[in-house]
N, C-alpha and C. Protein backbone atom coordinates (compact mmCIF):
# COMPACT_ATOMS: atom_id res chain seq x y z
N UNK A 1 47.86 107.95 -88.59
CA UNK A 1 47.89 109.12 -87.74
C UNK A 1 46.47 109.64 -87.54
N UNK A 2 46.22 110.19 -86.38
CA UNK A 2 44.87 110.62 -86.03
C UNK A 2 44.89 112.04 -85.51
N UNK A 3 43.71 112.68 -85.55
CA UNK A 3 43.53 114.02 -85.01
C UNK A 3 42.61 113.92 -83.79
N UNK A 4 42.83 114.79 -82.82
CA UNK A 4 42.07 114.78 -81.58
C UNK A 4 41.65 116.18 -81.22
N UNK A 5 40.34 116.38 -81.02
CA UNK A 5 39.81 117.65 -80.53
C UNK A 5 39.76 117.58 -79.02
N UNK A 6 40.35 118.60 -78.37
CA UNK A 6 40.33 118.68 -76.91
C UNK A 6 39.71 120.00 -76.48
N UNK A 7 39.13 120.03 -75.29
CA UNK A 7 38.36 121.19 -74.84
C UNK A 7 38.58 121.50 -73.37
N UNK A 8 39.52 120.80 -72.74
CA UNK A 8 39.72 120.98 -71.31
C UNK A 8 41.18 121.05 -70.95
N UNK A 9 41.60 120.22 -70.01
CA UNK A 9 42.98 120.28 -69.50
C UNK A 9 44.01 120.03 -70.60
N UNK A 10 43.68 119.21 -71.58
CA UNK A 10 44.63 118.90 -72.66
C UNK A 10 44.86 120.08 -73.60
N UNK A 11 44.09 121.15 -73.48
CA UNK A 11 44.38 122.36 -74.27
C UNK A 11 45.69 123.00 -73.80
N UNK A 12 46.09 122.71 -72.58
CA UNK A 12 47.33 123.24 -72.04
C UNK A 12 48.48 122.37 -72.54
N UNK A 13 49.41 122.92 -73.33
CA UNK A 13 50.49 122.10 -73.88
C UNK A 13 51.27 121.31 -72.83
N UNK A 14 51.48 121.86 -71.65
CA UNK A 14 52.23 121.14 -70.61
C UNK A 14 51.49 119.87 -70.18
N UNK A 15 50.18 119.89 -70.18
CA UNK A 15 49.41 118.70 -69.82
C UNK A 15 49.55 117.66 -70.93
N UNK A 16 49.42 118.07 -72.18
CA UNK A 16 49.59 117.13 -73.29
C UNK A 16 50.98 116.50 -73.26
N UNK A 17 52.00 117.31 -73.00
CA UNK A 17 53.37 116.79 -72.93
C UNK A 17 53.50 115.78 -71.80
N UNK A 18 52.88 116.05 -70.66
CA UNK A 18 52.95 115.12 -69.52
C UNK A 18 52.27 113.79 -69.83
N UNK A 19 51.24 113.82 -70.67
CA UNK A 19 50.48 112.61 -70.97
C UNK A 19 51.13 111.78 -72.07
N UNK A 20 51.54 112.41 -73.19
CA UNK A 20 52.06 111.62 -74.32
C UNK A 20 53.54 111.85 -74.60
N UNK A 21 54.17 112.80 -73.90
CA UNK A 21 55.59 113.01 -74.09
C UNK A 21 55.97 114.05 -75.13
N UNK A 22 54.99 114.67 -75.75
CA UNK A 22 55.27 115.73 -76.73
C UNK A 22 54.02 116.58 -76.91
N UNK A 23 54.19 117.70 -77.61
CA UNK A 23 53.05 118.55 -77.96
C UNK A 23 52.93 118.49 -79.49
N UNK A 24 51.93 117.77 -79.99
CA UNK A 24 51.74 117.66 -81.44
C UNK A 24 51.33 119.00 -82.06
N UNK A 25 51.43 119.13 -83.38
CA UNK A 25 50.92 120.33 -84.03
C UNK A 25 49.46 120.54 -83.62
N UNK A 26 49.09 121.79 -83.41
CA UNK A 26 47.72 122.07 -82.96
C UNK A 26 47.29 123.46 -83.40
N UNK A 27 45.96 123.63 -83.42
CA UNK A 27 45.37 124.91 -83.82
C UNK A 27 43.97 125.00 -83.20
N UNK A 28 43.45 126.21 -83.07
CA UNK A 28 42.09 126.37 -82.55
C UNK A 28 41.07 125.68 -83.45
N UNK A 29 40.01 125.19 -82.84
CA UNK A 29 38.92 124.56 -83.58
C UNK A 29 37.65 124.67 -82.74
N UNK A 30 36.52 124.38 -83.38
CA UNK A 30 35.22 124.44 -82.71
C UNK A 30 34.48 123.13 -82.96
N UNK A 31 33.83 122.63 -81.92
CA UNK A 31 33.02 121.43 -82.01
C UNK A 31 31.55 121.83 -81.94
N UNK A 32 30.84 121.79 -83.08
CA UNK A 32 29.41 122.13 -83.04
C UNK A 32 28.57 120.97 -82.51
N UNK A 33 27.44 121.32 -81.90
CA UNK A 33 26.50 120.30 -81.42
C UNK A 33 26.83 119.72 -80.06
N UNK A 34 27.75 120.35 -79.34
CA UNK A 34 28.13 119.89 -77.99
C UNK A 34 28.25 121.11 -77.08
N UNK A 35 28.12 120.85 -75.76
CA UNK A 35 28.31 121.89 -74.76
C UNK A 35 29.28 121.36 -73.70
N UNK A 36 30.14 122.25 -73.19
CA UNK A 36 31.12 121.90 -72.16
C UNK A 36 30.52 122.20 -70.79
N UNK A 37 30.73 121.29 -69.85
CA UNK A 37 30.28 121.45 -68.47
C UNK A 37 31.42 121.08 -67.53
N UNK A 38 31.39 121.68 -66.35
CA UNK A 38 32.26 121.21 -65.29
C UNK A 38 31.72 119.87 -64.80
N UNK A 39 32.55 119.15 -64.09
CA UNK A 39 32.17 117.86 -63.54
C UNK A 39 32.31 117.96 -62.02
N UNK A 40 31.27 117.63 -61.28
CA UNK A 40 31.30 117.77 -59.82
C UNK A 40 32.48 117.01 -59.22
N UNK A 41 33.22 117.71 -58.36
CA UNK A 41 34.33 117.09 -57.66
C UNK A 41 35.59 116.94 -58.48
N UNK A 42 35.63 117.52 -59.68
CA UNK A 42 36.80 117.40 -60.55
C UNK A 42 37.21 118.78 -61.05
N UNK A 43 38.48 118.91 -61.48
CA UNK A 43 38.96 120.18 -62.02
C UNK A 43 38.88 120.20 -63.54
N UNK A 44 38.39 119.14 -64.14
CA UNK A 44 38.34 119.04 -65.60
C UNK A 44 36.89 118.99 -66.07
N UNK A 45 36.67 119.31 -67.34
CA UNK A 45 35.31 119.35 -67.88
C UNK A 45 34.97 118.09 -68.69
N UNK A 46 33.74 118.08 -69.14
CA UNK A 46 33.24 117.08 -70.09
C UNK A 46 32.44 117.81 -71.15
N UNK A 47 32.18 117.14 -72.26
CA UNK A 47 31.24 117.67 -73.24
C UNK A 47 30.12 116.66 -73.42
N UNK A 48 28.93 117.20 -73.69
CA UNK A 48 27.76 116.37 -73.97
C UNK A 48 27.07 116.92 -75.22
N UNK A 49 26.44 116.04 -75.98
CA UNK A 49 25.73 116.54 -77.17
C UNK A 49 24.58 117.44 -76.77
N UNK A 50 24.49 118.60 -77.41
CA UNK A 50 23.37 119.53 -77.22
C UNK A 50 23.17 120.30 -78.51
N UNK A 51 21.97 120.25 -78.98
CA UNK A 51 21.62 120.94 -80.22
C UNK A 51 21.90 122.44 -80.09
N UNK A 52 22.36 123.04 -81.14
CA UNK A 52 22.62 124.49 -81.22
C UNK A 52 23.70 124.98 -80.26
N UNK A 53 24.51 124.08 -79.72
CA UNK A 53 25.62 124.47 -78.86
C UNK A 53 26.92 124.33 -79.64
N UNK A 54 28.01 124.84 -79.05
CA UNK A 54 29.33 124.68 -79.65
C UNK A 54 30.39 124.84 -78.58
N UNK A 55 31.51 124.21 -78.79
CA UNK A 55 32.61 124.24 -77.83
C UNK A 55 33.88 124.66 -78.55
N UNK A 56 34.53 125.69 -78.03
CA UNK A 56 35.83 126.10 -78.56
C UNK A 56 36.90 125.24 -77.90
N UNK A 57 37.89 124.85 -78.69
CA UNK A 57 38.97 124.02 -78.16
C UNK A 57 40.17 124.03 -79.08
N UNK A 58 40.91 122.94 -79.05
CA UNK A 58 42.14 122.80 -79.81
C UNK A 58 42.10 121.47 -80.56
N UNK A 59 42.56 121.51 -81.81
CA UNK A 59 42.68 120.30 -82.62
C UNK A 59 44.16 119.93 -82.71
N UNK A 60 44.53 118.80 -82.10
CA UNK A 60 45.88 118.25 -82.22
C UNK A 60 45.89 117.31 -83.42
N UNK A 61 46.92 117.40 -84.25
CA UNK A 61 47.00 116.57 -85.45
C UNK A 61 48.21 115.64 -85.40
N UNK A 62 48.09 114.54 -86.13
CA UNK A 62 49.21 113.63 -86.29
C UNK A 62 49.53 112.78 -85.09
N UNK A 63 48.53 112.37 -84.34
CA UNK A 63 48.76 111.50 -83.18
C UNK A 63 48.91 110.04 -83.64
N UNK A 64 49.86 109.35 -83.06
CA UNK A 64 50.09 107.95 -83.40
C UNK A 64 49.11 107.05 -82.64
N UNK A 65 48.95 105.80 -83.08
CA UNK A 65 48.11 104.86 -82.32
C UNK A 65 48.60 104.69 -80.88
N UNK A 66 49.90 104.70 -80.68
CA UNK A 66 50.45 104.57 -79.32
C UNK A 66 50.05 105.78 -78.46
N UNK A 67 50.11 106.98 -79.05
CA UNK A 67 49.71 108.18 -78.30
C UNK A 67 48.22 108.15 -77.98
N UNK A 68 47.39 107.71 -78.92
CA UNK A 68 45.96 107.59 -78.63
C UNK A 68 45.72 106.59 -77.51
N UNK A 69 46.46 105.51 -77.49
CA UNK A 69 46.32 104.53 -76.40
C UNK A 69 46.70 105.15 -75.06
N UNK A 70 47.73 105.98 -75.03
CA UNK A 70 48.09 106.68 -73.79
C UNK A 70 46.98 107.62 -73.36
N UNK A 71 46.40 108.33 -74.32
CA UNK A 71 45.31 109.25 -74.01
C UNK A 71 44.08 108.48 -73.51
N UNK A 72 43.81 107.32 -74.09
CA UNK A 72 42.70 106.50 -73.62
C UNK A 72 42.90 106.11 -72.16
N UNK A 73 44.13 105.80 -71.77
CA UNK A 73 44.41 105.45 -70.37
C UNK A 73 44.31 106.68 -69.46
N UNK A 74 44.70 107.84 -69.98
CA UNK A 74 44.64 109.08 -69.21
C UNK A 74 43.20 109.47 -68.89
N UNK A 75 42.33 109.35 -69.87
CA UNK A 75 40.92 109.71 -69.66
C UNK A 75 40.28 108.67 -68.76
N UNK A 76 39.44 109.08 -67.84
CA UNK A 76 38.89 108.12 -66.89
C UNK A 76 37.57 107.55 -67.37
N UNK A 77 36.91 106.84 -66.48
CA UNK A 77 35.70 106.10 -66.84
C UNK A 77 34.51 107.00 -67.20
N UNK A 78 34.62 108.31 -66.99
CA UNK A 78 33.53 109.21 -67.36
C UNK A 78 33.42 109.39 -68.87
N UNK A 79 34.50 109.09 -69.60
CA UNK A 79 34.58 109.42 -71.02
C UNK A 79 34.55 108.20 -71.92
N UNK A 80 34.15 108.46 -73.17
CA UNK A 80 34.37 107.51 -74.25
C UNK A 80 34.87 108.31 -75.44
N UNK A 81 35.76 107.71 -76.22
CA UNK A 81 36.31 108.38 -77.39
C UNK A 81 35.40 108.12 -78.57
N UNK A 82 34.94 109.20 -79.21
CA UNK A 82 34.04 109.10 -80.36
C UNK A 82 34.58 109.95 -81.50
N UNK A 83 34.16 109.61 -82.70
CA UNK A 83 34.54 110.42 -83.86
C UNK A 83 33.53 111.55 -84.02
N UNK A 84 34.03 112.76 -84.20
CA UNK A 84 33.21 113.96 -84.36
C UNK A 84 33.70 114.73 -85.58
N UNK A 85 32.97 115.77 -85.92
CA UNK A 85 33.40 116.68 -86.98
C UNK A 85 33.57 118.05 -86.37
N UNK A 86 34.76 118.62 -86.53
CA UNK A 86 35.06 119.94 -85.99
C UNK A 86 35.26 120.92 -87.14
N UNK A 87 35.27 122.20 -86.79
CA UNK A 87 35.57 123.25 -87.77
C UNK A 87 36.88 123.92 -87.36
N UNK A 88 37.78 124.04 -88.33
CA UNK A 88 39.03 124.73 -88.03
C UNK A 88 38.83 126.23 -88.12
N UNK A 89 39.89 127.00 -87.92
CA UNK A 89 39.79 128.46 -87.90
C UNK A 89 39.31 129.04 -89.22
N UNK A 90 39.53 128.32 -90.33
CA UNK A 90 39.07 128.77 -91.65
C UNK A 90 37.64 128.31 -91.94
N UNK A 91 37.02 127.58 -91.00
CA UNK A 91 35.65 127.12 -91.19
C UNK A 91 35.53 125.78 -91.89
N UNK A 92 36.66 125.13 -92.20
CA UNK A 92 36.63 123.83 -92.85
C UNK A 92 36.27 122.74 -91.87
N UNK A 93 35.46 121.80 -92.31
CA UNK A 93 35.10 120.66 -91.47
C UNK A 93 36.20 119.61 -91.53
N UNK A 94 36.48 119.02 -90.36
CA UNK A 94 37.51 118.00 -90.27
C UNK A 94 37.06 116.91 -89.31
N UNK A 95 37.29 115.65 -89.65
CA UNK A 95 36.99 114.58 -88.69
C UNK A 95 38.07 114.53 -87.61
N UNK A 96 37.67 114.17 -86.41
CA UNK A 96 38.62 114.07 -85.30
C UNK A 96 38.02 113.17 -84.23
N UNK A 97 38.87 112.65 -83.38
CA UNK A 97 38.42 111.97 -82.18
C UNK A 97 38.15 113.01 -81.10
N UNK A 98 37.28 112.67 -80.16
CA UNK A 98 36.98 113.54 -79.02
C UNK A 98 36.49 112.67 -77.87
N UNK A 99 36.85 113.03 -76.67
CA UNK A 99 36.36 112.32 -75.48
C UNK A 99 35.10 113.01 -74.98
N UNK A 100 33.99 112.27 -74.96
CA UNK A 100 32.70 112.82 -74.53
C UNK A 100 32.21 112.06 -73.30
N UNK A 101 31.32 112.69 -72.58
CA UNK A 101 30.79 112.09 -71.37
C UNK A 101 29.96 110.85 -71.70
N UNK A 102 30.19 109.78 -70.96
CA UNK A 102 29.35 108.59 -71.10
C UNK A 102 27.96 108.93 -70.55
N UNK A 103 26.91 108.53 -71.24
CA UNK A 103 25.55 108.88 -70.78
C UNK A 103 25.28 108.47 -69.33
N UNK A 104 25.82 107.37 -68.87
CA UNK A 104 25.54 106.91 -67.49
C UNK A 104 26.14 107.84 -66.43
N UNK A 105 27.04 108.74 -66.84
CA UNK A 105 27.68 109.65 -65.89
C UNK A 105 27.07 111.05 -65.90
N UNK A 106 25.99 111.22 -66.61
CA UNK A 106 25.39 112.55 -66.76
C UNK A 106 25.00 113.19 -65.43
N UNK A 107 24.70 112.37 -64.43
CA UNK A 107 24.31 112.93 -63.13
C UNK A 107 25.47 113.63 -62.43
N UNK A 108 26.71 113.47 -62.94
CA UNK A 108 27.88 114.12 -62.35
C UNK A 108 28.11 115.53 -62.88
N UNK A 109 27.31 115.97 -63.85
CA UNK A 109 27.49 117.31 -64.42
C UNK A 109 27.31 118.37 -63.34
N UNK A 110 28.19 119.35 -63.35
CA UNK A 110 28.06 120.49 -62.46
C UNK A 110 27.18 121.53 -63.15
N UNK A 111 26.47 122.28 -62.39
CA UNK A 111 25.61 123.31 -62.94
C UNK A 111 26.39 124.61 -63.09
N UNK A 112 27.54 124.51 -63.74
CA UNK A 112 28.40 125.68 -63.95
C UNK A 112 29.26 125.42 -65.18
N UNK A 113 29.63 126.46 -65.87
CA UNK A 113 30.54 126.28 -67.01
C UNK A 113 31.96 126.03 -66.50
N UNK A 114 32.77 125.43 -67.34
CA UNK A 114 34.17 125.21 -67.02
C UNK A 114 34.99 126.23 -67.78
N UNK A 115 35.96 126.85 -67.13
CA UNK A 115 36.76 127.89 -67.76
C UNK A 115 38.24 127.49 -67.76
N UNK A 116 38.81 127.41 -68.96
CA UNK A 116 40.21 127.01 -69.12
C UNK A 116 41.15 127.97 -68.39
N UNK A 117 40.90 129.25 -68.51
CA UNK A 117 41.76 130.23 -67.86
C UNK A 117 41.76 130.05 -66.34
N UNK A 118 40.61 129.76 -65.79
CA UNK A 118 40.52 129.54 -64.34
C UNK A 118 41.29 128.28 -63.94
N UNK A 119 41.16 127.21 -64.72
CA UNK A 119 41.91 125.99 -64.46
C UNK A 119 43.41 126.28 -64.44
N UNK A 120 43.90 127.00 -65.45
CA UNK A 120 45.34 127.29 -65.51
C UNK A 120 45.78 128.17 -64.33
N UNK A 121 44.92 129.07 -63.92
CA UNK A 121 45.27 129.99 -62.83
C UNK A 121 45.22 129.31 -61.46
N UNK A 122 44.26 128.43 -61.23
CA UNK A 122 44.04 127.90 -59.88
C UNK A 122 44.42 126.44 -59.67
N UNK A 123 44.46 125.63 -60.72
CA UNK A 123 44.63 124.19 -60.51
C UNK A 123 45.75 123.55 -61.32
N UNK A 124 46.30 124.25 -62.30
CA UNK A 124 47.25 123.63 -63.22
C UNK A 124 48.48 123.05 -62.52
N UNK A 125 49.11 123.79 -61.65
CA UNK A 125 50.35 123.31 -61.03
C UNK A 125 50.13 122.03 -60.23
N UNK A 126 49.07 121.98 -59.45
CA UNK A 126 48.77 120.76 -58.70
C UNK A 126 48.41 119.61 -59.60
N UNK A 127 47.69 119.91 -60.67
CA UNK A 127 47.29 118.88 -61.64
C UNK A 127 48.53 118.28 -62.30
N UNK A 128 49.47 119.14 -62.74
CA UNK A 128 50.70 118.65 -63.36
C UNK A 128 51.52 117.81 -62.38
N UNK A 129 51.57 118.22 -61.12
CA UNK A 129 52.30 117.45 -60.11
C UNK A 129 51.73 116.05 -59.97
N UNK A 130 50.40 115.94 -59.95
CA UNK A 130 49.77 114.62 -59.86
C UNK A 130 50.06 113.78 -61.10
N UNK A 131 50.05 114.40 -62.28
CA UNK A 131 50.35 113.66 -63.51
C UNK A 131 51.76 113.12 -63.50
N UNK A 132 52.70 113.89 -63.03
CA UNK A 132 54.10 113.47 -63.03
C UNK A 132 54.35 112.32 -62.07
N UNK A 133 53.51 112.18 -61.05
CA UNK A 133 53.67 111.08 -60.08
C UNK A 133 53.08 109.77 -60.57
N UNK A 134 52.30 109.82 -61.63
CA UNK A 134 51.66 108.59 -62.16
C UNK A 134 52.67 107.62 -62.66
């Protein structure tokens, strides 16, 4: 079983359910040493390593190898899955997988932050519709 730190669309339980068929146990977590950016032409974000930065997100626990394989297919060519260390709400460090921007795609970064609340308010319904058609 594996843990996965997410910081974008997968923080929304309905998106996780659409991708893997369930919503695993989850809790807030923080990823130190990374910053979240919007991606030009997309409604989802990416993270890139940056010293003294941090990203708030969600830590899903107990993912099966089959679920990770589904998530690997869901994430597009902009990402690679890497092992990171996150901090849970109590400040404990935990290893987890995370999808980070591939260095060759850095030119696609938008010069704006990505906001989860805005995604849910303006793009979630259309995003879920596209996922269900896959």
